[in-house]
Structures are given as C-alpha cells and as structure tokens.
Amino acid sequence: MKLQAEQINPYEGDTRGKTSQVREMFDSIAPAYDFMNRAMTLGVDRSWRRKAVETAAQDSPVRILDLATGTADLAIALARRLPMAKVDGADLSERMIEAGQAKIEKAGLERQITLQVADGLHLPMADNTFDCVTIAYGIRNFASMLDGYREIRRVLRPGGRVVVLELSTPVNPVALGLYHIYTRTLIPLVGRMLSHDRRAYSYLPESVRAVAQGSEMTSLMNEAGFHDATFNRLTFGACTIYTATKPA
C-alpha cells in the first residue's frame, strides 16, 4: 500500500510515475532552488543543515553518501566539517547536479566530493560501502520511501548510520497556524514567480504535510531493517532530524 506522500505527484493529471515527475520538477526549478530554500525557511535551513552535519559527524565517517544531494549544500557542509572524509552525492536531476558541481568547484572541493545522477531506489553503489548516508529534504519525494530506506540500508556498512533531515509540520498550535498561511499562499505565489513552474511550489508544501512524521517515520525506518531509529524536532517541529543504524 502506498503511503500518503507517495500518492502526491508534482504534476496533476500526468500519467508518468512519480520518479519521472520529480526529476522533471527539479530540473525545472534548479536555477531558483537555492534562493527558494532560503525564502521558504526564512534562512533557518542553514541552522538545520548544521545540526544534521553535526549529527552525521558524531561517528567520524570517512565514506559518506549524500542522497538527493540537489545543489550539494549538505555535501559541501559535510566535506568542510569532515576534511578526511570522501563524500559521494547522488540526485535524480541532472540540472541540480550541474548546479551542485559548479558550487563544489567554486569551493575547491572537487577532490573530496564526487557527484553523479542516480535514482535513490536503484543506487549504482556496492553493498556495505558507506559509513553514513545523509538525505536532506528528499525522502518525501521517493516513489517508495520503504524501498528507499532498504536501498540506503544495502549500501551502508554494518553499524553505519542514516541521517535524514526532512521538513515537517509544526507541533506548536500558533506556529502551525502561521505555517499553514505561509505554505499555502506565499510559497506557491513566490515559487511560481521565480521558478516559472506553476505546480512545483504547490507540490512541495503538500508533500510536507503528507509525509510520515515523528514516530511514523521511525517505524518506517525500523520496517526497512534499521535499529535505534530516533527523531529530533527542530524549530517548533518545522523540520525533523531522523537517525537510525544498520545492524552490525
């Protein structure tokens, strides 16, 4: 049975599968993506990313896969925090990878970070390769989150950790009311103006509202074969960090 978020697609009435639609959407919004990330979160995404990096760095991983890497913000932050680590980034969207590669070259991190276009449900990496897998704002876009977690588990070494940074709906009633106004009106309006994709920035808040959150997400991670799944809500619950470990 499909989860609620898996039934929401970027383009209504499009008969293609979710993976194809998500790829097209991110190709379309790639030029505006970084700006819209800042605008959608009022700049707080930087502190969320730092928290995710510190969480991933706790085990001092030396091989990291940043899945749904987008324009490589998290991959770059991981490389700077862990200069001895090798970071692989993978994303469905070729245009997002191109934007990320330009940022990596500007940062002088080409030797430490390698990007490639890849489907998170069918990764071209060998079993038991990585010490840590990270994914920021991407798990809700998977056609099957359970299969995605199983694929992450496959490429993790025994004892390795997955760190998921994902948008969520605030648990504070006042913050929730403001969040609904902001995500249902301002974000779609500004997104259409800046990205020229009329649907993308309506889909994104819809997918956040629909994605498994809190204990529902950790239950999904456990179902995929992880242990010790936990979650930590940030900024009144507007974002959540999930972690889990592959059994040794």
C-alpha atoms as a PDB file:
ATOM      1  CA  MET A   1       0.000   0.000   0.000  1.00  0.00           C
ATOM      2  CA  LYS A   2       1.321   3.425  -0.949  1.00  0.00           C
ATOM      3  CA  LEU A   3       1.907   5.943   1.822  1.00  0.00           C
ATOM      4  CA  GLN A   4       0.061   9.257   1.601  1.00  0.00           C
ATOM      5  CA  ALA A   5       3.102  11.225   0.452  1.00  0.00           C
ATOM      6  CA  GLU A   6       3.817   8.670  -2.274  1.00  0.00           C
ATOM      7  CA  GLN A   7       0.398   9.349  -3.805  1.00  0.00           C
ATOM      8  CA  ILE A   8       1.104  13.071  -4.266  1.00  0.00           C
ATOM      9  CA  ASN A   9       2.826  13.830  -7.559  1.00  0.00           C
ATOM     10  CA  PRO A  10       4.316  17.084  -8.813  1.00  0.00           C
ATOM     11  CA  TYR A  11       2.068  17.330 -11.887  1.00  0.00           C
ATOM     12  CA  GLU A  12      -1.632  16.588 -11.519  1.00  0.00           C
ATOM     13  CA  GLY A  13      -3.090  14.544 -14.362  1.00  0.00           C
ATOM     14  CA  ASP A  14       0.351  13.373 -15.513  1.00  0.00           C
ATOM     15  CA  THR A  15       0.321   9.612 -16.073  1.00  0.00           C
ATOM     16  CA  ARG A  16       4.063   9.146 -15.618  1.00  0.00           C
ATOM     17  CA  GLY A  17       5.408   7.649 -12.420  1.00  0.00           C
ATOM     18  CA  LYS A  18       6.453   9.834  -9.511  1.00  0.00           C
ATOM     19  CA  THR A  19      10.181   9.385 -10.142  1.00  0.00           C
ATOM     20  CA  SER A  20       9.942  10.836 -13.671  1.00  0.00           C
ATOM     21  CA  GLN A  21       7.803  13.732 -12.478  1.00  0.00           C
ATOM     22  CA  VAL A  22      10.129  14.561  -9.583  1.00  0.00           C
ATOM     23  CA  ARG A  23      13.122  14.539 -11.948  1.00  0.00           C
ATOM     24  CA  GLU A  24      11.389  16.965 -14.328  1.00  0.00           C
ATOM     25  CA  MET A  25      10.290  19.227 -11.483  1.00  0.00           C
ATOM     26  CA  PHE A  26      13.778  19.586 -10.028  1.00  0.00           C
ATOM     27  CA  ASP A  27      15.301  20.086 -13.470  1.00  0.00           C
ATOM     28  CA  SER A  28      12.780  22.905 -13.900  1.00  0.00           C
ATOM     29  CA  ILE A  29      13.383  24.675 -10.591  1.00  0.00           C
ATOM     30  CA  ALA A  30      17.153  24.120 -10.332  1.00  0.00           C
ATOM     31  CA  PRO A  31      18.081  27.771 -11.128  1.00  0.00           C
ATOM     32  CA  ALA A  32      15.812  29.061  -8.339  1.00  0.00           C
ATOM     33  CA  TYR A  33      16.271  26.212  -5.882  1.00  0.00           C
ATOM     34  CA  ASP A  34      18.847  27.712  -3.508  1.00  0.00           C
ATOM     35  CA  PHE A  35      17.047  31.044  -3.287  1.00  0.00           C
ATOM     36  CA  MET A  36      13.703  29.355  -2.700  1.00  0.00           C
ATOM     37  CA  ASN A  37      15.192  27.180   0.048  1.00  0.00           C
ATOM     38  CA  ARG A  38      16.265  30.320   1.874  1.00  0.00           C
ATOM     39  CA  ALA A  39      12.915  32.006   1.233  1.00  0.00           C
ATOM     40  CA  MET A  40      10.772  29.014   2.209  1.00  0.00           C
ATOM     41  CA  THR A  41      12.557  28.605   5.542  1.00  0.00           C
ATOM     42  CA  LEU A  42      13.362  32.293   6.172  1.00  0.00           C
ATOM     43  CA  GLY A  43      17.033  31.276   6.213  1.00  0.00           C
ATOM     44  CA  VAL A  44      16.637  28.823   9.088  1.00  0.00           C
ATOM     45  CA  ASP A  45      17.601  25.938   6.776  1.00  0.00           C
ATOM     46  CA  ARG A  46      21.255  26.829   7.382  1.00  0.00           C
ATOM     47  CA  SER A  47      20.988  26.043  11.092  1.00  0.00           C
ATOM     48  CA  TRP A  48      19.055  22.835  10.335  1.00  0.00           C
ATOM     49  CA  ARG A  49      21.791  21.761   7.956  1.00  0.00           C
ATOM     50  CA  ARG A  50      24.475  22.462  10.564  1.00  0.00           C
ATOM     51  CA  LYS A  51      22.585  20.311  13.045  1.00  0.00           C
ATOM     52  CA  ALA A  52      22.373  17.464  10.517  1.00  0.00           C
ATOM     53  CA  VAL A  53      26.105  17.749   9.794  1.00  0.00           C
ATOM     54  CA  GLU A  54      26.975  17.600  13.491  1.00  0.00           C
ATOM     55  CA  THR A  55      24.734  14.568  13.888  1.00  0.00           C
ATOM     56  CA  ALA A  56      26.432  12.804  10.974  1.00  0.00           C
ATOM     57  CA  ALA A  57      29.897  13.786  12.244  1.00  0.00           C
ATOM     58  CA  GLN A  58      29.443  12.121  15.631  1.00  0.00           C
ATOM     59  CA  ASP A  59      30.788   8.805  14.317  1.00  0.00           C
ATOM     60  CA  SER A  60      33.611  10.419  12.266  1.00  0.00           C
ATOM     61  CA  PRO A  61      32.595   8.709   8.990  1.00  0.00           C
ATOM     62  CA  VAL A  62      35.161   8.538   6.215  1.00  0.00           C
ATOM     63  CA  ARG A  63      32.836   7.409   3.404  1.00  0.00           C
ATOM     64  CA  ILE A  64      29.575   9.360   3.114  1.00  0.00           C
ATOM     65  CA  LEU A  65      26.767   9.202   0.590  1.00  0.00           C
ATOM     66  CA  ASP A  66      24.615  12.325   0.378  1.00  0.00           C
ATOM     67  CA  LEU A  67      21.459  11.118  -1.317  1.00  0.00           C
ATOM     68  CA  ALA A  68      19.101  13.548  -3.099  1.00  0.00           C
ATOM     69  CA  THR A  69      22.076  15.891  -2.878  1.00  0.00           C
ATOM     70  CA  GLY A  70      20.420  18.592  -5.006  1.00  0.00           C
ATOM     71  CA  THR A  71      22.773  21.556  -5.379  1.00  0.00           C
ATOM     72  CA  ALA A  72      25.207  19.917  -2.928  1.00  0.00           C
ATOM     73  CA  ASP A  73      24.743  22.231   0.075  1.00  0.00           C
ATOM     74  CA  LEU A  74      24.820  19.347   2.547  1.00  0.00           C
ATOM     75  CA  ALA A  75      27.636  17.546   0.730  1.00  0.00           C
ATOM     76  CA  ILE A  76      29.766  20.702   0.876  1.00  0.00           C
ATOM     77  CA  ALA A  77      28.981  21.252   4.555  1.00  0.00           C
ATOM     78  CA  LEU A  78      29.906  17.634   5.341  1.00  0.00           C
ATOM     79  CA  ALA A  79      33.193  17.903   3.445  1.00  0.00           C
ATOM     80  CA  ARG A  80      34.152  21.072   5.296  1.00  0.00           C
ATOM     81  CA  ARG A  81      33.252  19.588   8.680  1.00  0.00           C
ATOM     82  CA  LEU A  82      34.997  16.265   7.934  1.00  0.00           C
ATOM     83  CA  PRO A  83      38.048  17.098   5.783  1.00  0.00           C
ATOM     84  CA  MET A  84      39.302  13.493   5.856  1.00  0.00           C
ATOM     85  CA  ALA A  85      36.001  12.118   4.547  1.00  0.00           C
ATOM     86  CA  LYS A  86      35.125  11.242   0.948  1.00  0.00           C
ATOM     87  CA  VAL A  87      31.621  12.417   0.052  1.00  0.00           C
ATOM     88  CA  ASP A  88      29.598  10.971  -2.829  1.00  0.00           C
ATOM     89  CA  GLY A  89      26.489  12.906  -3.873  1.00  0.00           C
ATOM     90  CA  ALA A  90      23.642  11.431  -5.916  1.00  0.00           C
ATOM     91  CA  ASP A  91      20.497  13.012  -7.305  1.00  0.00           C
ATOM     92  CA  LEU A  92      17.812  12.285  -9.892  1.00  0.00           C
ATOM     93  CA  SER A  93      18.103  15.708 -11.523  1.00  0.00           C
ATOM     94  CA  GLU A  94      20.923  16.388 -13.960  1.00  0.00           C
ATOM     95  CA  ARG A  95      20.413  20.149 -13.707  1.00  0.00           C
ATOM     96  CA  MET A  96      20.613  20.070  -9.914  1.00  0.00           C
ATOM     97  CA  ILE A  97      23.842  18.070 -10.179  1.00  0.00           C
ATOM     98  CA  GLU A  98      25.227  20.643 -12.621  1.00  0.00           C
ATOM     99  CA  ALA A  99      24.448  23.460 -10.197  1.00  0.00           C
ATOM    100  CA  GLY A 100      25.986  21.486  -7.344  1.00  0.00           C
ATOM    101  CA  GLN A 101      29.144  20.749  -9.331  1.00  0.00           C
ATOM    102  CA  ALA A 102      29.648  24.471 -10.003  1.00  0.00           C
ATOM    103  CA  LYS A 103      29.423  25.180  -6.263  1.00  0.00           C
ATOM    104  CA  ILE A 104      31.868  22.376  -5.440  1.00  0.00           C
ATOM    105  CA  GLU A 105      34.399  23.729  -7.929  1.00  0.00           C
ATOM    106  CA  LYS A 106      33.992  27.234  -6.543  1.00  0.00           C
ATOM    107  CA  ALA A 107      34.658  25.843  -3.042  1.00  0.00           C
ATOM    108  CA  GLY A 108      37.725  23.932  -4.261  1.00  0.00           C
ATOM    109  CA  LEU A 109      36.348  20.595  -3.039  1.00  0.00           C
ATOM    110  CA  GLU A 110      36.487  18.585  -6.286  1.00  0.00           C
ATOM    111  CA  ARG A 111      38.917  16.028  -4.797  1.00  0.00           C
ATOM    112  CA  GLN A 112      36.706  15.407  -1.795  1.00  0.00           C
ATOM    113  CA  ILE A 113      33.214  15.404  -3.336  1.00  0.00           C
ATOM    114  CA  THR A 114      32.010  13.430  -6.354  1.00  0.00           C
ATOM    115  CA  LEU A 115      28.516  13.902  -7.779  1.00  0.00           C
ATOM    116  CA  GLN A 116      26.509  11.680 -10.093  1.00  0.00           C
ATOM    117  CA  VAL A 117      22.986  11.387 -11.438  1.00  0.00           C
ATOM    118  CA  ALA A 118      21.343   8.362  -9.817  1.00  0.00           C
ATOM    119  CA  ASP A 119      17.946   7.068  -8.721  1.00  0.00           C
ATOM    120  CA  GLY A 120      17.788   6.610  -4.951  1.00  0.00           C
ATOM    121  CA  LEU A 121      15.710   3.464  -5.408  1.00  0.00           C
ATOM    122  CA  HIS A 122      18.372   1.858  -7.647  1.00  0.00           C
ATOM    123  CA  LEU A 123      21.769   3.087  -6.498  1.00  0.00           C
ATOM    124  CA  PRO A 124      24.840   2.105  -8.561  1.00  0.00           C
ATOM    125  CA  MET A 125      26.924   1.582  -5.391  1.00  0.00           C
ATOM    126  CA  ALA A 126      28.043  -1.756  -3.969  1.00  0.00           C
ATOM    127  CA  ASP A 127      26.680  -3.256  -0.767  1.00  0.00           C
ATOM    128  CA  ASN A 128      28.255  -2.159   2.533  1.00  0.00           C
ATOM    129  CA  THR A 129      30.102   0.808   1.027  1.00  0.00           C
ATOM    130  CA  PHE A 130      29.359   3.819   3.247  1.00  0.00           C
ATOM    131  CA  ASP A 131      29.822   4.686   6.906  1.00  0.00           C
ATOM    132  CA  CYS A 132      26.995   7.206   6.737  1.00  0.00           C
ATOM    133  CA  VAL A 133      24.172   8.099   4.356  1.00  0.00           C
ATOM    134  CA  THR A 134      22.549  11.524   4.584  1.00  0.00           C
ATOM    135  CA  ILE A 135      19.474  12.865   2.845  1.00  0.00           C
ATOM    136  CA  ALA A 136      18.077  16.377   3.230  1.00  0.00           C
ATOM    137  CA  TYR A 137      14.558  17.317   2.136  1.00  0.00           C
ATOM    138  CA  GLY A 138      14.421  14.373  -0.223  1.00  0.00           C
ATOM    139  CA  ILE A 139      12.897  11.257   1.316  1.00  0.00           C
ATOM    140  CA  ARG A 140       9.329  12.503   0.830  1.00  0.00           C
ATOM    141  CA  ASN A 141       9.933  12.691  -2.924  1.00  0.00           C
ATOM    142  CA  PHE A 142      10.649   8.968  -3.242  1.00  0.00           C
ATOM    143  CA  ALA A 143       8.118   6.854  -5.109  1.00  0.00           C
ATOM    144  CA  SER A 144       8.530   4.346  -2.267  1.00  0.00           C
ATOM    145  CA  MET A 145      10.103   5.530   0.982  1.00  0.00           C
ATOM    146  CA  LEU A 146      10.293   1.987   2.334  1.00  0.00           C
ATOM    147  CA  ASP A 147      12.205   0.806  -0.731  1.00  0.00           C
ATOM    148  CA  GLY A 148      14.387   3.909  -0.472  1.00  0.00           C
ATOM    149  CA  TYR A 149      15.300   3.089   3.106  1.00  0.00           C
ATOM    150  CA  ARG A 150      16.006  -0.517   2.135  1.00  0.00           C
ATOM    151  CA  GLU A 151      18.370   0.700  -0.598  1.00  0.00           C
ATOM    152  CA  ILE A 152      20.088   3.026   1.878  1.00  0.00           C
ATOM    153  CA  ARG A 153      20.471   0.095   4.263  1.00  0.00           C
ATOM    154  CA  ARG A 154      22.011  -2.003   1.471  1.00  0.00           C
ATOM    155  CA  VAL A 155      24.803   0.485   0.716  1.00  0.00           C
ATOM    156  CA  LEU A 156      25.559   1.202   4.380  1.00  0.00           C
ATOM    157  CA  ARG A 157      28.222  -0.855   6.088  1.00  0.00           C
ATOM    158  CA  PRO A 158      27.136  -2.825   9.175  1.00  0.00           C
ATOM    159  CA  GLY A 159      26.928  -0.383  12.071  1.00  0.00           C
ATOM    160  CA  GLY A 160      26.625   2.589   9.696  1.00  0.00           C
ATOM    161  CA  ARG A 161      24.069   5.346  10.220  1.00  0.00           C
ATOM    162  CA  VAL A 162      21.494   7.132   8.139  1.00  0.00           C
ATOM    163  CA  VAL A 163      20.757  10.782   8.942  1.00  0.00           C
ATOM    164  CA  VAL A 164      17.596  12.224   7.411  1.00  0.00           C
ATOM    165  CA  LEU A 165      16.788  15.944   7.521  1.00  0.00           C
ATOM    166  CA  GLU A 166      13.182  16.493   6.466  1.00  0.00           C
ATOM    167  CA  LEU A 167      10.640  19.278   6.586  1.00  0.00           C
ATOM    168  CA  SER A 168       7.646  18.597   8.806  1.00  0.00           C
ATOM    169  CA  THR A 169       4.578  20.351  10.163  1.00  0.00           C
ATOM    170  CA  PRO A 170       4.993  22.294  13.430  1.00  0.00           C
ATOM    171  CA  VAL A 171       3.560  20.779  16.598  1.00  0.00           C
ATOM    172  CA  ASN A 172       3.089  24.168  18.289  1.00  0.00           C
ATOM    173  CA  PRO A 173      -0.507  25.363  17.536  1.00  0.00           C
ATOM    174  CA  VAL A 174       0.477  29.005  16.958  1.00  0.00           C
ATOM    175  CA  ALA A 175       3.403  28.051  14.744  1.00  0.00           C
ATOM    176  CA  LEU A 176       1.164  25.597  12.875  1.00  0.00           C
ATOM    177  CA  GLY A 177      -1.374  28.308  12.043  1.00  0.00           C
ATOM    178  CA  LEU A 178       1.311  30.627  10.688  1.00  0.00           C
ATOM    179  CA  TYR A 179       2.886  27.718   8.815  1.00  0.00           C
ATOM    180  CA  HIS A 180      -0.383  26.901   7.015  1.00  0.00           C
ATOM    181  CA  ILE A 181      -0.813  30.520   5.882  1.00  0.00           C
ATOM    182  CA  TYR A 182       2.775  30.744   4.710  1.00  0.00           C
ATOM    183  CA  THR A 183       2.955  27.429   2.864  1.00  0.00           C
ATOM    184  CA  ARG A 184      -0.490  27.570   1.244  1.00  0.00           C
ATOM    185  CA  THR A 185      -0.308  31.140  -0.052  1.00  0.00           C
ATOM    186  CA  LEU A 186       3.083  32.851  -0.068  1.00  0.00           C
ATOM    187  CA  ILE A 187       5.338  29.945  -1.027  1.00  0.00           C
ATOM    188  CA  PRO A 188       3.296  28.875  -4.103  1.00  0.00           C
ATOM    189  CA  LEU A 189       2.985  32.504  -5.220  1.00  0.00           C
ATOM    190  CA  VAL A 190       6.679  33.335  -4.914  1.00  0.00           C
ATOM    191  CA  GLY A 191       7.647  29.937  -6.321  1.00  0.00           C
ATOM    192  CA  ARG A 192       5.598  30.474  -9.479  1.00  0.00           C
ATOM    193  CA  MET A 193       7.100  33.943  -9.945  1.00  0.00           C
ATOM    194  CA  LEU A 194      10.712  32.857  -9.536  1.00  0.00           C
ATOM    195  CA  SER A 195      10.857  29.293 -10.823  1.00  0.00           C
ATOM    196  CA  HIS A 196       8.320  29.562 -13.678  1.00  0.00           C
ATOM    197  CA  ASP A 197       6.950  26.178 -12.634  1.00  0.00           C
ATOM    198  CA  ARG A 198       3.330  26.715 -11.655  1.00  0.00           C
ATOM    199  CA  ARG A 199       2.993  23.399  -9.847  1.00  0.00           C
ATOM    200  CA  ALA A 200       6.341  22.798  -8.108  1.00  0.00           C
ATOM    201  CA  TYR A 201       5.909  25.065  -5.099  1.00  0.00           C
ATOM    202  CA  SER A 202       2.376  23.859  -4.504  1.00  0.00           C
ATOM    203  CA  TYR A 203       3.545  20.257  -4.606  1.00  0.00           C
ATOM    204  CA  LEU A 204       6.386  20.817  -2.138  1.00  0.00           C
ATOM    205  CA  PRO A 205       4.237  22.042   0.810  1.00  0.00           C
ATOM    206  CA  GLU A 206       1.635  19.377   0.001  1.00  0.00           C
ATOM    207  CA  SER A 207       4.296  16.677   0.175  1.00  0.00           C
ATOM    208  CA  VAL A 208       5.498  18.002   3.551  1.00  0.00           C
ATOM    209  CA  ARG A 209       2.001  17.838   5.006  1.00  0.00           C
ATOM    210  CA  ALA A 210       1.564  14.287   3.694  1.00  0.00           C
ATOM    211  CA  VAL A 211       4.914  12.716   4.611  1.00  0.00           C
ATOM    212  CA  ALA A 212       5.251  10.333   7.566  1.00  0.00           C
ATOM    213  CA  GLN A 213       6.480  12.292  10.577  1.00  0.00           C
ATOM    214  CA  GLY A 214       7.835  11.591  14.034  1.00  0.00           C
ATOM    215  CA  SER A 215       7.230   8.035  15.206  1.00  0.00           C
ATOM    216  CA  GLU A 216       5.568   7.140  11.894  1.00  0.00           C
ATOM    217  CA  MET A 217       8.844   7.848  10.106  1.00  0.00           C
ATOM    218  CA  THR A 218      10.973   5.963  12.626  1.00  0.00           C
ATOM    219  CA  SER A 219       8.584   2.993  12.350  1.00  0.00           C
ATOM    220  CA  LEU A 220       9.184   3.026   8.585  1.00  0.00           C
ATOM    221  CA  MET A 221      12.944   3.020   9.163  1.00  0.00           C
ATOM    222  CA  ASN A 222      12.630   0.082  11.529  1.00  0.00           C
ATOM    223  CA  GLU A 223      10.475  -1.765   8.986  1.00  0.00           C
ATOM    224  CA  ALA A 224      13.282  -1.314   6.452  1.00  0.00           C
ATOM    225  CA  GLY A 225      15.634  -3.155   8.789  1.00  0.00           C
ATOM    226  CA  PHE A 226      17.264  -0.356  10.785  1.00  0.00           C
ATOM    227  CA  HIS A 227      17.743  -0.307  14.538  1.00  0.00           C
ATOM    228  CA  ASP A 228      17.636   2.512  17.104  1.00  0.00           C
ATOM    229  CA  ALA A 229      15.573   4.866  14.951  1.00  0.00           C
ATOM    230  CA  THR A 230      15.079   8.236  16.656  1.00  0.00           C
ATOM    231  CA  PHE A 231      13.801  11.694  15.768  1.00  0.00           C
ATOM    232  CA  ASN A 232      14.578  15.215  16.957  1.00  0.00           C
ATOM    233  CA  ARG A 233      12.189  18.060  16.110  1.00  0.00           C
ATOM    234  CA  LEU A 234      13.692  21.463  15.287  1.00  0.00           C
ATOM    235  CA  THR A 235      12.122  24.949  15.298  1.00  0.00           C
ATOM    236  CA  PHE A 236       8.737  24.011  16.802  1.00  0.00           C
ATOM    237  CA  GLY A 237       8.655  20.915  14.579  1.00  0.00           C
ATOM    238  CA  ALA A 238       9.033  22.697  11.229  1.00  0.00           C
ATOM    239  CA  CYS A 239      11.938  20.360  10.484  1.00  0.00           C
ATOM    240  CA  THR A 240      12.951  16.998  11.925  1.00  0.00           C
ATOM    241  CA  ILE A 241      16.182  15.003  12.021  1.00  0.00           C
ATOM    242  CA  TYR A 242      15.774  11.227  11.907  1.00  0.00           C
ATOM    243  CA  THR A 243      18.616   8.803  12.561  1.00  0.00           C
ATOM    244  CA  ALA A 244      18.891   5.023  12.504  1.00  0.00           C
ATOM    245  CA  THR A 245      21.628   2.391  12.463  1.00  0.00           C
ATOM    246  CA  LYS A 246      22.199  -0.635  10.252  1.00  0.00           C
ATOM    247  CA  PRO A 247      22.615  -3.716  12.467  1.00  0.00           C
ATOM    248  CA  ALA A 248      26.247  -4.774  12.882  1.00  0.00           C
END
